[in-house]
Protein backbone atom coordinates (compact mmCIF):
# COMPACT_ATOMS: atom_id res chain seq x y z
CA ALA A 1 19.44 62.76 23.75
CA ALA A 2 18.13 59.18 23.91
CA ALA A 3 19.06 58.60 20.31
CA ALA A 4 22.62 59.97 20.93
CA GLY A 5 22.96 57.70 23.84
CA ILE A 6 21.99 54.68 21.79
CA LEU A 7 24.42 55.63 19.06
CA ALA A 8 27.23 55.90 21.53
CA VAL A 9 26.56 52.45 23.01
CA GLU A 10 26.21 50.83 19.56
CA ALA A 11 29.44 52.51 18.42
CA TYR A 12 31.21 51.17 21.39
CA HIS A 13 29.83 47.65 20.83
CA MET A 14 30.92 47.75 17.19
CA GLY A 15 34.32 48.90 18.17
CA MET A 16 34.69 45.98 20.49
CA ALA A 17 33.47 43.60 17.68
CA ARG A 18 35.79 45.14 15.17
CA SER A 19 38.71 44.95 17.54
CA THR A 20 38.09 41.32 18.31
CA LEU A 21 37.78 40.48 14.57
CA TYR A 22 41.03 42.35 13.85
CA ARG A 23 42.87 40.28 16.60
CA LYS A 24 41.60 37.06 15.04
CA GLY A 25 43.87 37.61 12.09
CA GLU A 26 43.79 37.65 8.31
CA GLU A 27 40.98 35.14 7.68
CA ALA A 28 38.60 37.26 10.00
CA TRP A 29 39.72 40.49 8.26
CA LYS A 30 38.99 39.09 4.84
CA ALA A 31 35.54 37.79 5.89
CA ALA A 32 34.63 41.06 7.59
CA ASN A 33 35.93 43.11 4.63
CA ALA A 34 33.82 40.88 2.33
CA VAL A 35 30.66 41.72 4.36
CA SER A 36 31.68 45.43 4.24
CA ASP A 37 32.08 45.31 0.45
CA ALA A 38 28.71 43.54 0.01
CA ARG A 39 26.95 46.22 2.05
CA ASP A 40 28.75 48.95 0.12
CA LYS A 41 27.57 47.48 -3.16
CA ILE A 42 23.93 47.62 -2.21
CA ASP A 43 23.55 50.70 0.03
CA GLY A 44 23.92 53.23 -2.75
CA SER A 45 26.56 55.04 -4.84
CA ASP A 46 28.64 56.50 -2.08
CA ASP A 47 31.57 54.45 -0.69
CA LYS A 48 30.72 54.53 2.95
CA ASP A 49 31.35 51.14 4.35
CA GLN A 50 34.90 50.46 5.49
CA GLY A 51 36.48 47.04 6.28
CA ILE A 52 38.41 46.42 9.51
CA GLN A 53 41.73 46.27 7.68
CA VAL A 54 42.42 48.99 5.19
CA ASP A 55 45.75 49.66 3.43
CA GLY A 56 47.47 47.16 5.73
CA LYS A 57 46.33 48.91 8.92
CA ALA A 58 43.65 48.31 11.45
CA ASN A 59 40.44 50.30 10.91
CA ILE A 60 38.58 49.87 14.18
CA VAL A 61 36.55 53.13 14.03
CA PRO A 62 35.30 53.71 10.47
CA SER A 63 34.95 57.45 9.72
CA THR A 64 35.56 60.27 7.32
CA PRO A 65 39.02 61.80 6.98
CA ASP A 66 37.86 64.34 9.55
CA ALA A 67 37.02 61.47 12.07
CA ILE A 68 33.35 61.97 11.71
CA ALA A 69 31.21 58.74 11.76
CA PHE A 70 29.44 58.13 8.44
CA THR A 71 25.66 58.15 8.25
CA ARG A 72 23.11 56.35 6.18
CA THR A 73 19.72 57.49 4.89
CA PRO A 74 16.72 55.36 5.69
CA GLN A 75 16.72 54.28 2.11
CA GLU A 76 20.31 53.12 2.26
CA VAL A 77 19.55 51.12 5.46
CA LEU A 78 16.57 49.51 3.74
CA ARG A 79 18.70 48.59 0.73
CA ILE A 80 21.01 46.71 3.06
CA VAL A 81 18.25 44.86 5.08
CA TYR A 82 16.35 44.07 1.83
CA LEU A 83 19.55 42.98 0.11
CA SER A 84 18.72 45.03 -2.99
CA ASP A 85 20.31 48.05 -4.72
CA LYS A 86 17.06 48.81 -6.66
CA ASP A 87 14.61 51.73 -5.96
CA GLY A 88 11.02 50.99 -4.89
CA VAL A 89 11.89 47.66 -3.09
CA SER A 90 9.66 47.06 -0.03
CA LYS A 91 10.53 43.44 0.97
CA GLY A 92 13.23 40.84 0.75
CA GLY A 93 16.50 39.93 2.36
CA PHE A 94 16.23 40.01 6.29
CA TYR A 95 12.47 41.17 5.90
CA PRO A 96 11.02 38.79 3.31
CA GLU A 97 7.44 40.01 4.05
CA GLY A 98 8.58 43.69 4.25
CA MET A 99 8.31 46.10 7.20
CA ASN A 100 5.49 48.29 8.40
CA GLY A 101 5.72 51.96 9.07
CA THR A 102 6.11 55.14 7.00
CA LEU A 103 9.58 54.40 5.70
CA LYS A 104 9.53 50.90 4.25
CA SER A 105 10.55 51.28 0.60
CA THR A 106 14.04 51.91 -1.00
């Protein structure tokens, strides 16, 4: 239940951030979409990440066609924070010295 509550709050926060970026106009859309594209290139083979402007329309709540929020595996998250699309990476990017814990390698 606690994790679901955290997820709901974070989804709300990101919705507000995406909404604000969308209102800022094309320059902000392009920058946000570039970040989205970069994450999508390193998180794995699935096309999960979505920009805030897709096909000329606002995309404030990224989801599947059935309106289900996309998920990432721990390895996909680690690829993003380590800024690497390679298997077996355990440090780099936002964590140049790596992380501790059981799940720490892509």
